[in-house]
């Protein structure tokens, strides 16, 4: 094996890390002062830990570049190749393919995104799993520390439980053995166990089953809400 072949991380990865930092320079995690770059670094770390390739780890660093940083498939492909650009595109909500300014509802975007997962390649799903696992964990921790957190999101607690649970159900069948999928499942379990969620569940119904069938209630509550 040559020295080059033994490298797990090349200059492409550090270039992507620097570009991601520039793209998200002034952005923060929702409702906090935490720099947004912390999220993409965490997602990339989860991809590495899940056996991902350098291209997948690079795509993880850039997975929100189309949604939140004004980039597109062509600009990403120019710098890091088609494979990376394809994965980033697959991680993007369909309603946000042209950037953050769009008129689609929160629920409409999430329903469309879930539908696309069935047809996406495993290389993209590995990054999707890492992204959703980190987001679900953060939502869980934020909600535990401040129950009013759910009032500041368009979906509320029910919407996020429904969304993360639906994604977990699909990814669990597509990526058996994935660490990120397991982490997502644990976060969903703990979200469903929150006291404020239990208060929403009709008496006698299984919380998980109720959440999975909650789209009708969500359409009334958040169907017209923006992202």
C-alpha atoms as a PDB file:
ATOM      1  CA  UNK A   1       0.000   0.000   0.000  1.00  0.00           C
ATOM      2  CA  UNK A   2       1.362   3.436  -0.928  1.00  0.00           C
ATOM      3  CA  UNK A   3       1.376   6.381   1.430  1.00  0.00           C
ATOM      4  CA  UNK A   4      -1.447   8.042  -0.525  1.00  0.00           C
ATOM      5  CA  UNK A   5      -3.607   4.933  -0.324  1.00  0.00           C
ATOM      6  CA  UNK A   6      -3.217   4.827   3.446  1.00  0.00           C
ATOM      7  CA  UNK A   7      -4.690   8.311   3.931  1.00  0.00           C
ATOM      8  CA  UNK A   8      -8.168   8.308   5.425  1.00  0.00           C
ATOM      9  CA  UNK A   9      -8.563  12.080   5.151  1.00  0.00           C
ATOM     10  CA  UNK A  10      -7.166  14.189   2.331  1.00  0.00           C
ATOM     11  CA  UNK A  11      -6.903  17.905   1.684  1.00  0.00           C
ATOM     12  CA  UNK A  12     -10.364  17.754   0.091  1.00  0.00           C
ATOM     13  CA  UNK A  13     -11.896  17.220   3.528  1.00  0.00           C
ATOM     14  CA  UNK A  14     -10.108  20.147   5.148  1.00  0.00           C
ATOM     15  CA  UNK A  15     -11.062  22.286   2.144  1.00  0.00           C
ATOM     16  CA  UNK A  16     -14.715  21.308   2.631  1.00  0.00           C
ATOM     17  CA  UNK A  17     -14.506  22.082   6.342  1.00  0.00           C
ATOM     18  CA  UNK A  18     -13.165  25.543   5.614  1.00  0.00           C
ATOM     19  CA  UNK A  19     -15.805  26.194   2.964  1.00  0.00           C
ATOM     20  CA  UNK A  20     -18.580  25.011   5.295  1.00  0.00           C
ATOM     21  CA  UNK A  21     -17.315  27.413   7.956  1.00  0.00           C
ATOM     22  CA  UNK A  22     -17.454  30.263   5.452  1.00  0.00           C
ATOM     23  CA  UNK A  23     -20.914  29.299   4.186  1.00  0.00           C
ATOM     24  CA  UNK A  24     -22.420  29.207   7.671  1.00  0.00           C
ATOM     25  CA  UNK A  25     -20.260  31.968   9.147  1.00  0.00           C
ATOM     26  CA  UNK A  26     -23.092  34.138  10.498  1.00  0.00           C
ATOM     27  CA  UNK A  27     -25.636  31.405  11.180  1.00  0.00           C
ATOM     28  CA  UNK A  28     -26.636  29.936  14.531  1.00  0.00           C
ATOM     29  CA  UNK A  29     -28.592  26.890  15.623  1.00  0.00           C
ATOM     30  CA  UNK A  30     -32.290  27.710  15.946  1.00  0.00           C
ATOM     31  CA  UNK A  31     -33.059  29.710  19.070  1.00  0.00           C
ATOM     32  CA  UNK A  32     -29.472  29.590  20.390  1.00  0.00           C
ATOM     33  CA  UNK A  33     -26.115  31.324  20.093  1.00  0.00           C
ATOM     34  CA  UNK A  34     -24.434  28.073  19.059  1.00  0.00           C
ATOM     35  CA  UNK A  35     -22.583  28.512  15.734  1.00  0.00           C
ATOM     36  CA  UNK A  36     -24.296  26.517  12.991  1.00  0.00           C
ATOM     37  CA  UNK A  37     -20.977  25.006  11.945  1.00  0.00           C
ATOM     38  CA  UNK A  38     -21.189  22.835  15.087  1.00  0.00           C
ATOM     39  CA  UNK A  39     -24.087  20.949  13.520  1.00  0.00           C
ATOM     40  CA  UNK A  40     -22.402  20.112  10.227  1.00  0.00           C
ATOM     41  CA  UNK A  41     -19.226  19.049  12.028  1.00  0.00           C
ATOM     42  CA  UNK A  42     -21.281  16.762  14.285  1.00  0.00           C
ATOM     43  CA  UNK A  43     -23.097  15.255  11.301  1.00  0.00           C
ATOM     44  CA  UNK A  44     -19.811  14.632   9.514  1.00  0.00           C
ATOM     45  CA  UNK A  45     -18.442  12.970  12.644  1.00  0.00           C
ATOM     46  CA  UNK A  46     -21.447  10.654  12.800  1.00  0.00           C
ATOM     47  CA  UNK A  47     -20.907   9.734   9.146  1.00  0.00           C
ATOM     48  CA  UNK A  48     -17.272   8.810   9.815  1.00  0.00           C
ATOM     49  CA  UNK A  49     -18.314   6.748  12.849  1.00  0.00           C
ATOM     50  CA  UNK A  50     -20.937   4.972  10.727  1.00  0.00           C
ATOM     51  CA  UNK A  51     -18.318   3.741   8.268  1.00  0.00           C
ATOM     52  CA  UNK A  52     -18.845   6.466   5.697  1.00  0.00           C
ATOM     53  CA  UNK A  53     -16.361   7.431   3.001  1.00  0.00           C
ATOM     54  CA  UNK A  54     -14.556  10.738   2.698  1.00  0.00           C
ATOM     55  CA  UNK A  55     -17.024  11.844   0.031  1.00  0.00           C
ATOM     56  CA  UNK A  56     -19.918  11.117   2.383  1.00  0.00           C
ATOM     57  CA  UNK A  57     -18.175  12.947   5.225  1.00  0.00           C
ATOM     58  CA  UNK A  58     -17.583  15.930   2.921  1.00  0.00           C
ATOM     59  CA  UNK A  59     -21.221  15.869   1.850  1.00  0.00           C
ATOM     60  CA  UNK A  60     -22.163  15.887   5.539  1.00  0.00           C
ATOM     61  CA  UNK A  61     -20.171  19.086   6.039  1.00  0.00           C
ATOM     62  CA  UNK A  62     -22.059  20.620   3.118  1.00  0.00           C
ATOM     63  CA  UNK A  63     -25.457  18.984   3.593  1.00  0.00           C
ATOM     64  CA  UNK A  64     -27.199  22.316   4.295  1.00  0.00           C
ATOM     65  CA  UNK A  65     -25.313  24.309   1.662  1.00  0.00           C
ATOM     66  CA  UNK A  66     -28.283  24.301  -0.739  1.00  0.00           C
ATOM     67  CA  UNK A  67     -30.961  24.840   1.902  1.00  0.00           C
ATOM     68  CA  UNK A  68     -29.280  27.542   3.937  1.00  0.00           C
ATOM     69  CA  UNK A  69     -26.221  28.896   2.131  1.00  0.00           C
ATOM     70  CA  UNK A  70     -27.299  29.736  -1.410  1.00  0.00           C
ATOM     71  CA  UNK A  71     -25.399  26.955  -3.151  1.00  0.00           C
ATOM     72  CA  UNK A  72     -26.659  24.520  -5.783  1.00  0.00           C
ATOM     73  CA  UNK A  73     -25.738  21.171  -7.290  1.00  0.00           C
ATOM     74  CA  UNK A  74     -23.474  22.784  -9.879  1.00  0.00           C
ATOM     75  CA  UNK A  75     -21.452  24.896  -7.437  1.00  0.00           C
ATOM     76  CA  UNK A  76     -20.863  21.933  -5.116  1.00  0.00           C
ATOM     77  CA  UNK A  77     -20.029  19.596  -7.996  1.00  0.00           C
ATOM     78  CA  UNK A  78     -17.492  22.086  -9.330  1.00  0.00           C
ATOM     79  CA  UNK A  79     -15.539  22.010  -6.068  1.00  0.00           C
ATOM     80  CA  UNK A  80     -16.030  18.446  -4.830  1.00  0.00           C
ATOM     81  CA  UNK A  81     -17.424  16.342  -7.656  1.00  0.00           C
ATOM     82  CA  UNK A  82     -20.772  14.945  -8.701  1.00  0.00           C
ATOM     83  CA  UNK A  83     -20.957  12.265  -5.992  1.00  0.00           C
ATOM     84  CA  UNK A  84     -20.720  14.811  -3.189  1.00  0.00           C
ATOM     85  CA  UNK A  85     -23.151  17.155  -4.940  1.00  0.00           C
ATOM     86  CA  UNK A  86     -25.654  14.330  -5.444  1.00  0.00           C
ATOM     87  CA  UNK A  87     -25.597  13.460  -1.747  1.00  0.00           C
ATOM     88  CA  UNK A  88     -26.044  17.085  -0.687  1.00  0.00           C
ATOM     89  CA  UNK A  89     -28.958  17.420  -3.105  1.00  0.00           C
ATOM     90  CA  UNK A  90     -30.520  14.260  -1.656  1.00  0.00           C
ATOM     91  CA  UNK A  91     -30.245  15.736   1.857  1.00  0.00           C
ATOM     92  CA  UNK A  92     -32.154  18.855   0.797  1.00  0.00           C
ATOM     93  CA  UNK A  93     -35.883  19.268   1.370  1.00  0.00           C
ATOM     94  CA  UNK A  94     -37.549  19.297  -2.080  1.00  0.00           C
ATOM     95  CA  UNK A  95     -39.136  22.649  -1.305  1.00  0.00           C
ATOM     96  CA  UNK A  96     -35.715  24.160  -0.634  1.00  0.00           C
ATOM     97  CA  UNK A  97     -33.818  23.029  -3.712  1.00  0.00           C
ATOM     98  CA  UNK A  98     -33.657  26.639  -4.841  1.00  0.00           C
ATOM     99  CA  UNK A  99     -32.544  28.016  -1.503  1.00  0.00           C
ATOM    100  CA  UNK A 100     -34.125  29.066   1.806  1.00  0.00           C
ATOM    101  CA  UNK A 101     -36.750  31.420   0.328  1.00  0.00           C
ATOM    102  CA  UNK A 102     -39.771  29.350  -0.633  1.00  0.00           C
ATOM    103  CA  UNK A 103     -43.481  29.261   0.068  1.00  0.00           C
ATOM    104  CA  UNK A 104     -43.927  25.584   0.922  1.00  0.00           C
ATOM    105  CA  UNK A 105     -45.406  24.675   4.301  1.00  0.00           C
ATOM    106  CA  UNK A 106     -43.392  22.878   6.953  1.00  0.00           C
ATOM    107  CA  UNK A 107     -45.605  19.827   6.691  1.00  0.00           C
ATOM    108  CA  UNK A 108     -45.601  19.818   2.889  1.00  0.00           C
ATOM    109  CA  UNK A 109     -41.814  19.907   2.750  1.00  0.00           C
ATOM    110  CA  UNK A 110     -41.440  17.144   5.311  1.00  0.00           C
ATOM    111  CA  UNK A 111     -43.991  14.897   3.610  1.00  0.00           C
ATOM    112  CA  UNK A 112     -42.233  15.384   0.276  1.00  0.00           C
ATOM    113  CA  UNK A 113     -38.826  14.683   1.800  1.00  0.00           C
ATOM    114  CA  UNK A 114     -40.001  11.453   3.443  1.00  0.00           C
ATOM    115  CA  UNK A 115     -41.448  10.284   0.130  1.00  0.00           C
ATOM    116  CA  UNK A 116     -38.127  10.766  -1.645  1.00  0.00           C
ATOM    117  CA  UNK A 117     -36.196   8.659   0.868  1.00  0.00           C
ATOM    118  CA  UNK A 118     -37.539   5.396  -0.526  1.00  0.00           C
ATOM    119  CA  UNK A 119     -35.726   6.013  -3.807  1.00  0.00           C
ATOM    120  CA  UNK A 120     -32.463   7.505  -2.598  1.00  0.00           C
ATOM    121  CA  UNK A 121     -29.206   5.506  -2.632  1.00  0.00           C
ATOM    122  CA  UNK A 122     -27.714   4.214   0.595  1.00  0.00           C
ATOM    123  CA  UNK A 123     -24.743   6.552   0.161  1.00  0.00           C
ATOM    124  CA  UNK A 124     -27.101   9.497   0.616  1.00  0.00           C
ATOM    125  CA  UNK A 125     -29.210   7.867   3.308  1.00  0.00           C
ATOM    126  CA  UNK A 126     -26.163   7.439   5.536  1.00  0.00           C
ATOM    127  CA  UNK A 127     -25.762  11.220   5.603  1.00  0.00           C
ATOM    128  CA  UNK A 128     -29.499  11.790   6.023  1.00  0.00           C
ATOM    129  CA  UNK A 129     -29.463   9.436   9.017  1.00  0.00           C
ATOM    130  CA  UNK A 130     -26.609  11.343  10.656  1.00  0.00           C
ATOM    131  CA  UNK A 131     -28.323  14.683  10.069  1.00  0.00           C
ATOM    132  CA  UNK A 132     -31.653  13.573  11.509  1.00  0.00           C
ATOM    133  CA  UNK A 133     -30.038  11.766  14.440  1.00  0.00           C
ATOM    134  CA  UNK A 134     -28.202  14.930  15.469  1.00  0.00           C
ATOM    135  CA  UNK A 135     -31.264  17.133  14.969  1.00  0.00           C
ATOM    136  CA  UNK A 136     -33.507  14.774  16.951  1.00  0.00           C
ATOM    137  CA  UNK A 137     -31.036  14.631  19.821  1.00  0.00           C
ATOM    138  CA  UNK A 138     -30.753  18.424  19.897  1.00  0.00           C
ATOM    139  CA  UNK A 139     -34.534  18.846  19.849  1.00  0.00           C
ATOM    140  CA  UNK A 140     -34.808  16.360  22.694  1.00  0.00           C
ATOM    141  CA  UNK A 141     -32.232  18.142  24.845  1.00  0.00           C
ATOM    142  CA  UNK A 142     -33.641  21.597  24.081  1.00  0.00           C
ATOM    143  CA  UNK A 143     -37.166  20.423  24.918  1.00  0.00           C
ATOM    144  CA  UNK A 144     -36.064  18.822  28.167  1.00  0.00           C
ATOM    145  CA  UNK A 145     -34.360  22.003  29.323  1.00  0.00           C
ATOM    146  CA  UNK A 146     -37.117  24.324  28.187  1.00  0.00           C
ATOM    147  CA  UNK A 147     -40.594  22.884  27.478  1.00  0.00           C
ATOM    148  CA  UNK A 148     -41.545  26.186  25.782  1.00  0.00           C
ATOM    149  CA  UNK A 149     -39.075  25.248  23.036  1.00  0.00           C
ATOM    150  CA  UNK A 150     -41.850  23.348  21.251  1.00  0.00           C
ATOM    151  CA  UNK A 151     -44.009  26.472  21.134  1.00  0.00           C
ATOM    152  CA  UNK A 152     -41.310  28.266  19.157  1.00  0.00           C
ATOM    153  CA  UNK A 153     -41.271  25.781  16.281  1.00  0.00           C
ATOM    154  CA  UNK A 154     -43.953  25.603  13.556  1.00  0.00           C
ATOM    155  CA  UNK A 155     -44.405  21.864  14.044  1.00  0.00           C
ATOM    156  CA  UNK A 156     -44.572  21.650  17.808  1.00  0.00           C
ATOM    157  CA  UNK A 157     -43.630  18.496  19.694  1.00  0.00           C
ATOM    158  CA  UNK A 158     -46.154  16.324  17.848  1.00  0.00           C
ATOM    159  CA  UNK A 159     -44.860  17.407  14.458  1.00  0.00           C
ATOM    160  CA  UNK A 160     -41.247  16.628  15.252  1.00  0.00           C
ATOM    161  CA  UNK A 161     -42.061  13.267  16.841  1.00  0.00           C
ATOM    162  CA  UNK A 162     -44.088  12.329  13.754  1.00  0.00           C
ATOM    163  CA  UNK A 163     -41.307  13.458  11.397  1.00  0.00           C
ATOM    164  CA  UNK A 164     -38.384  11.807  13.153  1.00  0.00           C
ATOM    165  CA  UNK A 165     -40.351   8.617  13.742  1.00  0.00           C
ATOM    166  CA  UNK A 166     -41.357   8.337  10.069  1.00  0.00           C
ATOM    167  CA  UNK A 167     -37.771   8.831   8.957  1.00  0.00           C
ATOM    168  CA  UNK A 168     -36.505   6.299  11.475  1.00  0.00           C
ATOM    169  CA  UNK A 169     -39.018   3.682  10.309  1.00  0.00           C
ATOM    170  CA  UNK A 170     -37.851   4.056   6.720  1.00  0.00           C
ATOM    171  CA  UNK A 171     -34.127   4.223   7.435  1.00  0.00           C
ATOM    172  CA  UNK A 172     -34.276   1.284   9.821  1.00  0.00           C
ATOM    173  CA  UNK A 173     -35.247  -0.947   6.911  1.00  0.00           C
ATOM    174  CA  UNK A 174     -32.838   0.613   4.416  1.00  0.00           C
ATOM    175  CA  UNK A 175     -29.742   0.855   6.641  1.00  0.00           C
ATOM    176  CA  UNK A 176     -29.732  -2.083   9.065  1.00  0.00           C
ATOM    177  CA  UNK A 177     -26.869  -1.821  11.511  1.00  0.00           C
ATOM    178  CA  UNK A 178     -26.362   1.926  11.078  1.00  0.00           C
ATOM    179  CA  UNK A 179     -25.188   3.679  14.227  1.00  0.00           C
ATOM    180  CA  UNK A 180     -26.904   6.909  13.238  1.00  0.00           C
ATOM    181  CA  UNK A 181     -30.206   5.143  12.632  1.00  0.00           C
ATOM    182  CA  UNK A 182     -29.921   3.571  16.078  1.00  0.00           C
ATOM    183  CA  UNK A 183     -29.198   6.976  17.625  1.00  0.00           C
ATOM    184  CA  UNK A 184     -32.207   8.425  15.827  1.00  0.00           C
ATOM    185  CA  UNK A 185     -34.393   5.631  17.165  1.00  0.00           C
ATOM    186  CA  UNK A 186     -33.217   6.263  20.718  1.00  0.00           C
ATOM    187  CA  UNK A 187     -33.983   9.962  20.377  1.00  0.00           C
ATOM    188  CA  UNK A 188     -37.474   9.203  19.043  1.00  0.00           C
ATOM    189  CA  UNK A 189     -38.090   6.863  21.966  1.00  0.00           C
ATOM    190  CA  UNK A 190     -37.088   9.559  24.441  1.00  0.00           C
ATOM    191  CA  UNK A 191     -39.157  12.236  22.663  1.00  0.00           C
ATOM    192  CA  UNK A 192     -42.226  10.008  22.914  1.00  0.00           C
ATOM    193  CA  UNK A 193     -41.478   9.528  26.626  1.00  0.00           C
ATOM    194  CA  UNK A 194     -41.573  13.257  27.385  1.00  0.00           C
ATOM    195  CA  UNK A 195     -44.372  14.116  29.864  1.00  0.00           C
ATOM    196  CA  UNK A 196     -45.653  16.908  27.638  1.00  0.00           C
ATOM    197  CA  UNK A 197     -46.046  14.450  24.772  1.00  0.00           C
ATOM    198  CA  UNK A 198     -47.920  11.960  26.950  1.00  0.00           C
ATOM    199  CA  UNK A 199     -50.445  14.696  27.714  1.00  0.00           C
ATOM    200  CA  UNK A 200     -51.299  14.938  24.011  1.00  0.00           C
ATOM    201  CA  UNK A 201     -51.919  11.212  23.477  1.00  0.00           C
ATOM    202  CA  UNK A 202     -55.582  10.116  23.663  1.00  0.00           C
ATOM    203  CA  UNK A 203     -56.339   7.822  26.576  1.00  0.00           C
ATOM    204  CA  UNK A 204     -55.783   4.166  25.743  1.00  0.00           C
ATOM    205  CA  UNK A 205     -53.685   4.769  22.615  1.00  0.00           C
ATOM    206  CA  UNK A 206     -50.101   3.665  22.139  1.00  0.00           C
ATOM    207  CA  UNK A 207     -48.023   6.882  21.906  1.00  0.00           C
ATOM    208  CA  UNK A 208     -45.839   5.627  19.069  1.00  0.00           C
ATOM    209  CA  UNK A 209     -48.781   4.401  17.009  1.00  0.00           C
ATOM    210  CA  UNK A 210     -50.679   7.638  17.594  1.00  0.00           C
ATOM    211  CA  UNK A 211     -47.712   9.738  16.504  1.00  0.00           C
ATOM    212  CA  UNK A 212     -47.296   7.763  13.292  1.00  0.00           C
ATOM    213  CA  UNK A 213     -50.911   8.488  12.326  1.00  0.00           C
ATOM    214  CA  UNK A 214     -50.916  12.136  13.371  1.00  0.00           C
ATOM    215  CA  UNK A 215     -50.753  13.738   9.923  1.00  0.00           C
ATOM    216  CA  UNK A 216     -54.415  14.717  10.020  1.00  0.00           C
ATOM    217  CA  UNK A 217     -53.905  16.700  13.210  1.00  0.00           C
ATOM    218  CA  UNK A 218     -50.704  18.179  11.837  1.00  0.00           C
ATOM    219  CA  UNK A 219     -52.436  19.402   8.697  1.00  0.00           C
ATOM    220  CA  UNK A 220     -54.779  21.436  10.878  1.00  0.00           C
ATOM    221  CA  UNK A 221     -52.045  22.656  13.207  1.00  0.00           C
ATOM    222  CA  UNK A 222     -49.086  23.343  10.914  1.00  0.00           C
ATOM    223  CA  UNK A 223     -50.244  22.704   7.384  1.00  0.00           C
ATOM    224  CA  UNK A 224     -50.106  26.388   6.517  1.00  0.00           C
ATOM    225  CA  UNK A 225     -47.089  27.228   8.659  1.00  0.00           C
ATOM    226  CA  UNK A 226     -43.773  28.116   7.092  1.00  0.00           C
ATOM    227  CA  UNK A 227     -40.442  26.404   7.833  1.00  0.00           C
END
